[in-house]
PDB file of N, CA and C in Angstrom:
ATOM      1  N   GLN A   1     -16.402 -20.138  65.844  1.00  0.00           N
ATOM      2  CA  GLN A   1     -15.790 -21.405  65.478  1.00  0.00           C
ATOM      3  C   GLN A   1     -16.235 -21.762  64.068  1.00  0.00           C
ATOM      4  N   LEU A   2     -15.316 -22.306  63.282  1.00  0.00           N
ATOM      5  CA  LEU A   2     -15.615 -22.699  61.915  1.00  0.00           C
ATOM      6  C   LEU A   2     -16.341 -24.032  61.896  1.00  0.00           C
ATOM      7  N   GLU A   3     -17.298 -24.159  60.989  1.00  0.00           N
ATOM      8  CA  GLU A   3     -18.085 -25.385  60.889  1.00  0.00           C
ATOM      9  C   GLU A   3     -17.302 -26.531  60.252  1.00  0.00           C
ATOM     10  N   ASN A   4     -16.485 -26.224  59.258  1.00  0.00           N
ATOM     11  CA  ASN A   4     -15.756 -27.246  58.511  1.00  0.00           C
ATOM     12  C   ASN A   4     -14.260 -27.010  58.607  1.00  0.00           C
ATOM     13  N   SER A   5     -13.506 -27.996  58.204  1.00  0.00           N
ATOM     14  CA  SER A   5     -12.062 -27.845  58.135  1.00  0.00           C
ATOM     15  C   SER A   5     -11.746 -26.756  57.119  1.00  0.00           C
ATOM     16  N   THR A   6     -10.974 -25.767  57.520  1.00  0.00           N
ATOM     17  CA  THR A   6     -10.675 -24.619  56.678  1.00  0.00           C
ATOM     18  C   THR A   6      -9.181 -24.360  56.709  1.00  0.00           C
ATOM     19  N   GLU A   7      -8.584 -24.175  55.538  1.00  0.00           N
ATOM     20  CA  GLU A   7      -7.164 -23.848  55.480  1.00  0.00           C
ATOM     21  C   GLU A   7      -6.984 -22.389  55.879  1.00  0.00           C
ATOM     22  N   VAL A   8      -6.078 -22.163  56.804  1.00  0.00           N
ATOM     23  CA  VAL A   8      -5.807 -20.812  57.292  1.00  0.00           C
ATOM     24  C   VAL A   8      -4.312 -20.537  57.228  1.00  0.00           C
ATOM     25  N   TYR A   9      -3.971 -19.260  57.350  1.00  0.00           N
ATOM     26  CA  TYR A   9      -2.565 -18.923  57.525  1.00  0.00           C
ATOM     27  C   TYR A   9      -2.421 -17.942  58.672  1.00  0.00           C
ATOM     28  N   PHE A  10      -1.267 -18.036  59.330  1.00  0.00           N
ATOM     29  CA  PHE A  10      -0.938 -17.209  60.483  1.00  0.00           C
ATOM     30  C   PHE A  10       0.064 -16.160  60.037  1.00  0.00           C
ATOM     31  N   ASP A  11      -0.204 -14.902  60.361  1.00  0.00           N
ATOM     32  CA  ASP A  11       0.704 -13.805  60.044  1.00  0.00           C
ATOM     33  C   ASP A  11       1.243 -13.266  61.370  1.00  0.00           C
ATOM     34  N   PHE A  12       2.491 -13.631  61.688  1.00  0.00           N
ATOM     35  CA  PHE A  12       3.106 -13.220  62.945  1.00  0.00           C
ATOM     36  C   PHE A  12       3.706 -11.833  62.820  1.00  0.00           C
ATOM     37  N   GLY A  13       3.304 -10.926  63.709  1.00  0.00           N
ATOM     38  CA  GLY A  13       3.918  -9.618  63.828  1.00  0.00           C
ATOM     39  C   GLY A  13       4.877  -9.640  65.007  1.00  0.00           C
ATOM     40  N   ARG A  14       5.274  -8.463  65.458  1.00  0.00           N
ATOM     41  CA  ARG A  14       6.225  -8.380  66.564  1.00  0.00           C
ATOM     42  C   ARG A  14       5.651  -8.935  67.868  1.00  0.00           C
ATOM     43  N   ASP A  15       4.400  -8.610  68.159  1.00  0.00           N
ATOM     44  CA  ASP A  15       3.780  -9.093  69.399  1.00  0.00           C
ATOM     45  C   ASP A  15       2.337  -9.551  69.200  1.00  0.00           C
ATOM     46  N   SER A  16       1.909  -9.615  67.954  1.00  0.00           N
ATOM     47  CA  SER A  16       0.556 -10.094  67.674  1.00  0.00           C
ATOM     48  C   SER A  16       0.583 -10.995  66.449  1.00  0.00           C
ATOM     49  N   LEU A  17      -0.448 -11.816  66.340  1.00  0.00           N
ATOM     50  CA  LEU A  17      -0.576 -12.629  65.140  1.00  0.00           C
ATOM     51  C   LEU A  17      -2.012 -12.553  64.674  1.00  0.00           C
ATOM     52  N   LYS A  18      -2.159 -12.624  63.356  1.00  0.00           N
ATOM     53  CA  LYS A  18      -3.477 -12.597  62.741  1.00  0.00           C
ATOM     54  C   LYS A  18      -3.677 -13.913  62.016  1.00  0.00           C
ATOM     55  N   VAL A  19      -4.889 -14.439  62.119  1.00  0.00           N
ATOM     56  CA  VAL A  19      -5.235 -15.700  61.463  1.00  0.00           C
ATOM     57  C   VAL A  19      -6.233 -15.376  60.354  1.00  0.00           C
ATOM     58  N   PHE A  20      -5.874 -15.771  59.120  1.00  0.00           N
ATOM     59  CA  PHE A  20      -6.686 -15.484  57.944  1.00  0.00           C
ATOM     60  C   PHE A  20      -7.159 -16.770  57.287  1.00  0.00           C
ATOM     61  N   VAL A  21      -8.332 -16.725  56.646  1.00  0.00           N
ATOM     62  CA  VAL A  21      -8.797 -17.819  55.793  1.00  0.00           C
ATOM     63  C   VAL A  21      -7.985 -17.752  54.508  1.00  0.00           C
ATOM     64  N   ALA A  22      -7.357 -18.857  54.124  1.00  0.00           N
ATOM     65  CA  ALA A  22      -6.501 -18.870  52.940  1.00  0.00           C
ATOM     66  C   ALA A  22      -7.287 -18.576  51.665  1.00  0.00           C
ATOM     67  N   ALA A  23      -8.499 -19.092  51.543  1.00  0.00           N
ATOM     68  CA  ALA A  23      -9.273 -18.967  50.303  1.00  0.00           C
ATOM     69  C   ALA A  23      -9.612 -17.526  49.940  1.00  0.00           C
ATOM     70  N   ASP A  24      -9.946 -16.701  50.941  1.00  0.00           N
ATOM     71  CA  ASP A  24     -10.386 -15.334  50.625  1.00  0.00           C
ATOM     72  C   ASP A  24      -9.687 -14.254  51.454  1.00  0.00           C
ATOM     73  N   SER A  25      -8.705 -14.631  52.244  1.00  0.00           N
ATOM     74  CA  SER A  25      -7.925 -13.706  53.085  1.00  0.00           C
ATOM     75  C   SER A  25      -8.765 -12.955  54.109  1.00  0.00           C
ATOM     76  N   SER A  26      -9.936 -13.490  54.486  1.00  0.00           N
ATOM     77  CA  SER A  26     -10.729 -12.836  55.526  1.00  0.00           C
ATOM     78  C   SER A  26     -10.093 -13.103  56.893  1.00  0.00           C
ATOM     79  N   LEU A  27     -10.119 -12.088  57.740  1.00  0.00           N
ATOM     80  CA  LEU A  27      -9.510 -12.158  59.066  1.00  0.00           C
ATOM     81  C   LEU A  27     -10.419 -12.927  60.017  1.00  0.00           C
ATOM     82  N   LEU A  28      -9.874 -13.977  60.641  1.00  0.00           N
ATOM     83  CA  LEU A  28     -10.626 -14.774  61.614  1.00  0.00           C
ATOM     84  C   LEU A  28     -10.360 -14.341  63.040  1.00  0.00           C
ATOM     85  N   GLU A  29      -9.107 -14.018  63.332  1.00  0.00           N
ATOM     86  CA  GLU A  29      -8.715 -13.824  64.723  1.00  0.00           C
ATOM     87  C   GLU A  29      -7.471 -12.939  64.794  1.00  0.00           C
ATOM     88  N   THR A  30      -7.423 -12.089  65.805  1.00  0.00           N
ATOM     89  CA  THR A  30      -6.221 -11.329  66.132  1.00  0.00           C
ATOM     90  C   THR A  30      -5.848 -11.687  67.563  1.00  0.00           C
ATOM     91  N   VAL A  31      -4.586 -12.045  67.766  1.00  0.00           N
ATOM     92  CA  VAL A  31      -4.123 -12.589  69.042  1.00  0.00           C
ATOM     93  C   VAL A  31      -2.844 -11.883  69.479  1.00  0.00           C
ATOM     94  N   LEU A  32      -2.772 -11.517  70.745  1.00  0.00           N
ATOM     95  CA  LEU A  32      -1.543 -11.010  71.343  1.00  0.00           C
ATOM     96  C   LEU A  32      -0.729 -12.212  71.781  1.00  0.00           C
ATOM     97  N   TYR A  33       0.574 -12.207  71.497  1.00  0.00           N
ATOM     98  CA  TYR A  33       1.395 -13.335  71.938  1.00  0.00           C
ATOM     99  C   TYR A  33       2.706 -12.860  72.535  1.00  0.00           C
ATOM    100  N   THR A  34       3.226 -13.676  73.428  1.00  0.00           N
ATOM    101  CA  THR A  34       4.582 -13.503  73.944  1.00  0.00           C
ATOM    102  C   THR A  34       5.283 -14.837  73.785  1.00  0.00           C
ATOM    103  N   GLU A  35       6.583 -14.781  73.701  1.00  0.00           N
ATOM    104  CA  GLU A  35       7.382 -15.993  73.492  1.00  0.00           C
ATOM    105  C   GLU A  35       8.574 -15.952  74.427  1.00  0.00           C
ATOM    106  N   LYS A  36       8.804 -17.074  75.105  1.00  0.00           N
ATOM    107  CA  LYS A  36       9.956 -17.164  75.992  1.00  0.00           C
ATOM    108  C   LYS A  36      10.335 -18.626  76.156  1.00  0.00           C
ATOM    109  N   SER A  37      11.595 -18.923  75.934  1.00  0.00           N
ATOM    110  CA  SER A  37      12.153 -20.257  76.176  1.00  0.00           C
ATOM    111  C   SER A  37      11.346 -21.377  75.525  1.00  0.00           C
ATOM    112  N   GLY A  38      10.979 -21.179  74.269  1.00  0.00           N
ATOM    113  CA  GLY A  38      10.276 -22.230  73.544  1.00  0.00           C
ATOM    114  C   GLY A  38       8.819 -22.395  73.905  1.00  0.00           C
ATOM    115  N   GLU A  39       8.252 -21.397  74.596  1.00  0.00           N
ATOM    116  CA  GLU A  39       6.838 -21.446  74.962  1.00  0.00           C
ATOM    117  C   GLU A  39       6.157 -20.158  74.505  1.00  0.00           C
ATOM    118  N   MET A  40       4.976 -20.298  73.941  1.00  0.00           N
ATOM    119  CA  MET A  40       4.214 -19.168  73.439  1.00  0.00           C
ATOM    120  C   MET A  40       2.940 -19.029  74.263  1.00  0.00           C
ATOM    121  N   THR A  41       2.654 -17.792  74.692  1.00  0.00           N
ATOM    122  CA  THR A  41       1.431 -17.482  75.424  1.00  0.00           C
ATOM    123  C   THR A  41       0.537 -16.661  74.509  1.00  0.00           C
ATOM    124  N   LEU A  42      -0.724 -17.061  74.381  1.00  0.00           N
ATOM    125  CA  LEU A  42      -1.663 -16.432  73.461  1.00  0.00           C
ATOM    126  C   LEU A  42      -2.845 -15.846  74.216  1.00  0.00           C
ATOM    127  N   LEU A  43      -3.281 -14.648  73.799  1.00  0.00           N
ATOM    128  CA  LEU A  43      -4.470 -14.010  74.363  1.00  0.00           C
ATOM    129  C   LEU A  43      -5.247 -13.369  73.220  1.00  0.00           C
ATOM    130  N   LYS A  44      -6.478 -13.798  73.019  1.00  0.00           N
ATOM    131  CA  LYS A  44      -7.318 -13.289  71.931  1.00  0.00           C
ATOM    132  C   LYS A  44      -7.607 -11.808  72.126  1.00  0.00           C
ATOM    133  N   LEU A  45      -7.456 -11.031  71.034  1.00  0.00           N
ATOM    134  CA  LEU A  45      -7.843  -9.626  71.029  1.00  0.00           C
ATOM    135  C   LEU A  45      -9.197  -9.445  70.344  1.00  0.00           C
ATOM    136  N   SER A  46      -9.409 -10.162  69.236  1.00  0.00           N
ATOM    137  CA  SER A  46     -10.682 -10.090  68.516  1.00  0.00           C
ATOM    138  C   SER A  46     -10.816 -11.315  67.626  1.00  0.00           C
ATOM    139  N   GLY A  47     -12.052 -11.621  67.223  1.00  0.00           N
ATOM    140  CA  GLY A  47     -12.255 -12.738  66.312  1.00  0.00           C
ATOM    141  C   GLY A  47     -13.442 -13.606  66.673  1.00  0.00           C
ATOM    142  N   ILE A  48     -13.511 -14.785  66.020  1.00  0.00           N
ATOM    143  CA  ILE A  48     -14.711 -15.615  66.099  1.00  0.00           C
ATOM    144  C   ILE A  48     -14.684 -16.705  67.169  1.00  0.00           C
ATOM    145  N   SER A  49     -13.536 -16.981  67.753  1.00  0.00           N
ATOM    146  CA  SER A  49     -13.479 -18.045  68.766  1.00  0.00           C
ATOM    147  C   SER A  49     -14.121 -17.580  70.074  1.00  0.00           C
ATOM    148  N   ASN A  50     -14.367 -18.522  70.960  1.00  0.00           N
ATOM    149  CA  ASN A  50     -14.925 -18.220  72.281  1.00  0.00           C
ATOM    150  C   ASN A  50     -13.818 -18.150  73.323  1.00  0.00           C
ATOM    151  N   CYS A  51     -12.756 -17.416  73.018  1.00  0.00           N
ATOM    152  CA  CYS A  51     -11.563 -17.415  73.881  1.00  0.00           C
ATOM    153  C   CYS A  51     -11.340 -16.087  74.603  1.00  0.00           C
ATOM    154  N   GLU A  52     -12.372 -15.263  74.754  1.00  0.00           N
ATOM    155  CA  GLU A  52     -12.211 -13.968  75.399  1.00  0.00           C
ATOM    156  C   GLU A  52     -11.662 -14.111  76.810  1.00  0.00           C
ATOM    157  N   GLY A  53     -10.579 -13.398  77.098  1.00  0.00           N
ATOM    158  CA  GLY A  53     -10.020 -13.361  78.440  1.00  0.00           C
ATOM    159  C   GLY A  53      -9.317 -14.617  78.898  1.00  0.00           C
ATOM    160  N   VAL A  54      -9.121 -15.581  77.995  1.00  0.00           N
ATOM    161  CA  VAL A  54      -8.497 -16.853  78.360  1.00  0.00           C
ATOM    162  C   VAL A  54      -7.113 -16.936  77.718  1.00  0.00           C
ATOM    163  N   THR A  55      -6.111 -17.176  78.535  1.00  0.00           N
ATOM    164  CA  THR A  55      -4.742 -17.302  78.044  1.00  0.00           C
ATOM    165  C   THR A  55      -4.436 -18.760  77.734  1.00  0.00           C
ATOM    166  N   GLY A  56      -3.820 -18.980  76.588  1.00  0.00           N
ATOM    167  CA  GLY A  56      -3.378 -20.320  76.213  1.00  0.00           C
ATOM    168  C   GLY A  56      -1.865 -20.371  76.163  1.00  0.00           C
ATOM    169  N   LYS A  57      -1.295 -21.488  76.582  1.00  0.00           N
ATOM    170  CA  LYS A  57       0.159 -21.666  76.550  1.00  0.00           C
ATOM    171  C   LYS A  57       0.498 -22.903  75.739  1.00  0.00           C
ATOM    172  N   TYR A  58       1.471 -22.737  74.841  1.00  0.00           N
ATOM    173  CA  TYR A  58       1.886 -23.811  73.939  1.00  0.00           C
ATOM    174  C   TYR A  58       3.400 -23.839  73.834  1.00  0.00           C
ATOM    175  N   LYS A  59       3.966 -25.028  73.878  1.00  0.00           N
ATOM    176  CA  LYS A  59       5.373 -25.190  73.542  1.00  0.00           C
ATOM    177  C   LYS A  59       5.461 -25.165  72.031  1.00  0.00           C
ATOM    178  N   PHE A  60       6.592 -24.681  71.529  1.00  0.00           N
ATOM    179  CA  PHE A  60       6.776 -24.727  70.087  1.00  0.00           C
ATOM    180  C   PHE A  60       8.202 -25.137  69.769  1.00  0.00           C
ATOM    181  N   GLU A  61       8.340 -25.794  68.635  1.00  0.00           N
ATOM    182  CA  GLU A  61       9.643 -26.223  68.147  1.00  0.00           C
ATOM    183  C   GLU A  61       9.699 -25.892  66.662  1.00  0.00           C
ATOM    184  N   ILE A  62      10.781 -25.233  66.262  1.00  0.00           N
ATOM    185  CA  ILE A  62      10.956 -24.862  64.863  1.00  0.00           C
ATOM    186  C   ILE A  62      12.043 -25.725  64.255  1.00  0.00           C
ATOM    187  N   LYS A  63      11.696 -26.374  63.143  1.00  0.00           N
ATOM    188  CA  LYS A  63      12.642 -27.176  62.374  1.00  0.00           C
ATOM    189  C   LYS A  63      12.493 -26.779  60.921  1.00  0.00           C
ATOM    190  N   LYS A  64      13.574 -26.244  60.369  1.00  0.00           N
ATOM    191  CA  LYS A  64      13.561 -25.757  58.986  1.00  0.00           C
ATOM    192  C   LYS A  64      12.402 -24.786  58.810  1.00  0.00           C
ATOM    193  N   ASP A  65      11.448 -25.105  57.951  1.00  0.00           N
ATOM    194  CA  ASP A  65      10.340 -24.192  57.670  1.00  0.00           C
ATOM    195  C   ASP A  65       9.042 -24.588  58.362  1.00  0.00           C
ATOM    196  N   GLU A  66       9.138 -25.360  59.441  1.00  0.00           N
ATOM    197  CA  GLU A  66       7.940 -25.788  60.157  1.00  0.00           C
ATOM    198  C   GLU A  66       8.029 -25.456  61.643  1.00  0.00           C
ATOM    199  N   MET A  67       6.895 -25.083  62.199  1.00  0.00           N
ATOM    200  CA  MET A  67       6.784 -24.870  63.638  1.00  0.00           C
ATOM    201  C   MET A  67       5.696 -25.808  64.151  1.00  0.00           C
ATOM    202  N   VAL A  68       6.034 -26.619  65.145  1.00  0.00           N
ATOM    203  CA  VAL A  68       5.084 -27.551  65.748  1.00  0.00           C
ATOM    204  C   VAL A  68       4.671 -26.998  67.109  1.00  0.00           C
ATOM    205  N   LEU A  69       3.366 -26.903  67.329  1.00  0.00           N
ATOM    206  CA  LEU A  69       2.825 -26.428  68.599  1.00  0.00           C
ATOM    207  C   LEU A  69       2.321 -27.608  69.415  1.00  0.00           C
ATOM    208  N   THR A  70       2.573 -27.558  70.725  1.00  0.00           N
ATOM    209  CA  THR A  70       2.097 -28.595  71.636  1.00  0.00           C
ATOM    210  C   THR A  70       1.449 -27.915  72.835  1.00  0.00           C
ATOM    211  N   LEU A  71       0.256 -28.328  73.165  1.00  0.00           N
ATOM    212  CA  LEU A  71      -0.511 -27.743  74.261  1.00  0.00           C
ATOM    213  C   LEU A  71       0.204 -27.903  75.598  1.00  0.00           C
ATOM    214  N   VAL A  72       0.317 -26.798  76.329  1.00  0.00           N
ATOM    215  CA  VAL A  72       0.771 -26.815  77.720  1.00  0.00           C
ATOM    216  C   VAL A  72      -0.462 -26.654  78.607  1.00  0.00           C
ATOM    217  N   SER A  73      -1.219 -25.576  78.377  1.00  0.00           N
ATOM    218  CA  SER A  73      -2.478 -25.345  79.094  1.00  0.00           C
ATOM    219  C   SER A  73      -3.318 -24.341  78.309  1.00  0.00           C
ATOM    220  N   ASP A  74      -4.615 -24.583  78.247  1.00  0.00           N
ATOM    221  CA  ASP A  74      -5.523 -23.671  77.553  1.00  0.00           C
ATOM    222  C   ASP A  74      -6.951 -24.078  77.899  1.00  0.00           C
ATOM    223  N   GLU A  75      -7.672 -23.195  78.587  1.00  0.00           N
ATOM    224  CA  GLU A  75      -9.056 -23.485  78.944  1.00  0.00           C
ATOM    225  C   GLU A  75     -10.018 -23.202  77.797  1.00  0.00           C
ATOM    226  N   CYS A  76      -9.515 -22.637  76.699  1.00  0.00           N
ATOM    227  CA  CYS A  76     -10.351 -22.371  75.532  1.00  0.00           C
ATOM    228  C   CYS A  76     -10.288 -23.575  74.595  1.00  0.00           C
ATOM    229  N   SER A  77     -11.349 -24.366  74.598  1.00  0.00           N
ATOM    230  CA  SER A  77     -11.345 -25.587  73.784  1.00  0.00           C
ATOM    231  C   SER A  77     -11.318 -25.282  72.291  1.00  0.00           C
ATOM    232  N   ASP A  78     -11.928 -24.160  71.852  1.00  0.00           N
ATOM    233  CA  ASP A  78     -11.872 -23.785  70.431  1.00  0.00           C
ATOM    234  C   ASP A  78     -10.426 -23.712  69.958  1.00  0.00           C
ATOM    235  N   ARG A  79      -9.599 -23.031  70.722  1.00  0.00           N
ATOM    236  CA  ARG A  79      -8.198 -22.829  70.344  1.00  0.00           C
ATOM    237  C   ARG A  79      -7.389 -24.099  70.551  1.00  0.00           C
ATOM    238  N   ALA A  80      -7.572 -24.753  71.691  1.00  0.00           N
ATOM    239  CA  ALA A  80      -6.780 -25.946  72.014  1.00  0.00           C
ATOM    240  C   ALA A  80      -6.987 -27.059  70.993  1.00  0.00           C
ATOM    241  N   GLU A  81      -8.226 -27.264  70.549  1.00  0.00           N
ATOM    242  CA  GLU A  81      -8.509 -28.320  69.573  1.00  0.00           C
ATOM    243  C   GLU A  81      -7.801 -28.078  68.248  1.00  0.00           C
ATOM    244  N   VAL A  82      -7.633 -26.818  67.881  1.00  0.00           N
ATOM    245  CA  VAL A  82      -6.986 -26.472  66.612  1.00  0.00           C
ATOM    246  C   VAL A  82      -5.464 -26.465  66.735  1.00  0.00           C
ATOM    247  N   LEU A  83      -4.943 -25.920  67.831  1.00  0.00           N
ATOM    248  CA  LEU A  83      -3.498 -25.691  67.910  1.00  0.00           C
ATOM    249  C   LEU A  83      -2.682 -26.841  68.491  1.00  0.00           C
ATOM    250  N   ASP A  84      -3.273 -27.699  69.313  1.00  0.00           N
ATOM    251  CA  ASP A  84      -2.485 -28.793  69.888  1.00  0.00           C
ATOM    252  C   ASP A  84      -2.003 -29.724  68.777  1.00  0.00           C
ATOM    253  N   ARG A  85      -0.709 -29.887  68.684  1.00  0.00           N
ATOM    254  CA  ARG A  85      -0.032 -30.707  67.668  1.00  0.00           C
ATOM    255  C   ARG A  85      -0.158 -30.143  66.255  1.00  0.00           C
ATOM    256  N   ALA A  86      -0.473 -28.846  66.153  1.00  0.00           N
ATOM    257  CA  ALA A  86      -0.542 -28.208  64.833  1.00  0.00           C
ATOM    258  C   ALA A  86       0.863 -28.051  64.268  1.00  0.00           C
ATOM    259  N   VAL A  87       0.976 -28.238  62.971  1.00  0.00           N
ATOM    260  CA  VAL A  87       2.238 -28.027  62.261  1.00  0.00           C
ATOM    261  C   VAL A  87       2.017 -26.857  61.312  1.00  0.00           C
ATOM    262  N   LEU A  88       2.733 -25.760  61.565  1.00  0.00           N
ATOM    263  CA  LEU A  88       2.630 -24.569  60.726  1.00  0.00           C
ATOM    264  C   LEU A  88       3.820 -24.549  59.778  1.00  0.00           C
ATOM    265  N   THR A  89       3.559 -24.324  58.509  1.00  0.00           N
ATOM    266  CA  THR A  89       4.608 -24.305  57.498  1.00  0.00           C
ATOM    267  C   THR A  89       4.818 -22.883  57.008  1.00  0.00           C
ATOM    268  N   ARG A  90       6.070 -22.438  56.986  1.00  0.00           N
ATOM    269  CA  ARG A  90       6.396 -21.092  56.517  1.00  0.00           C
ATOM    270  C   ARG A  90       6.117 -20.998  55.020  1.00  0.00           C
ATOM    271  N   ILE A  91       5.429 -19.907  54.639  1.00  0.00           N
ATOM    272  CA  ILE A  91       5.172 -19.682  53.212  1.00  0.00           C
ATOM    273  C   ILE A  91       5.773 -18.373  52.758  1.00  0.00           C
TER     274      ILE A  91
END
């Protein structure tokens, strides 16, 4: 878990996403994801969070160049605190 507020970017692949620190492009997290009917399921593959073996589910809505995530269920508080109501902007 990061100590301070840190700007990050998400790099979505076909079935995985990587989370990088914007300042130095260091990899924070690699996550397997699936998407169906406006809901995204996340499972950590590697990284610094305490989310091993815990699946998180989030609704998402895309408007223009923004994606808004809303928590459905996630027992990993590290991830839930960051992603609930997060607004991701396409760059």
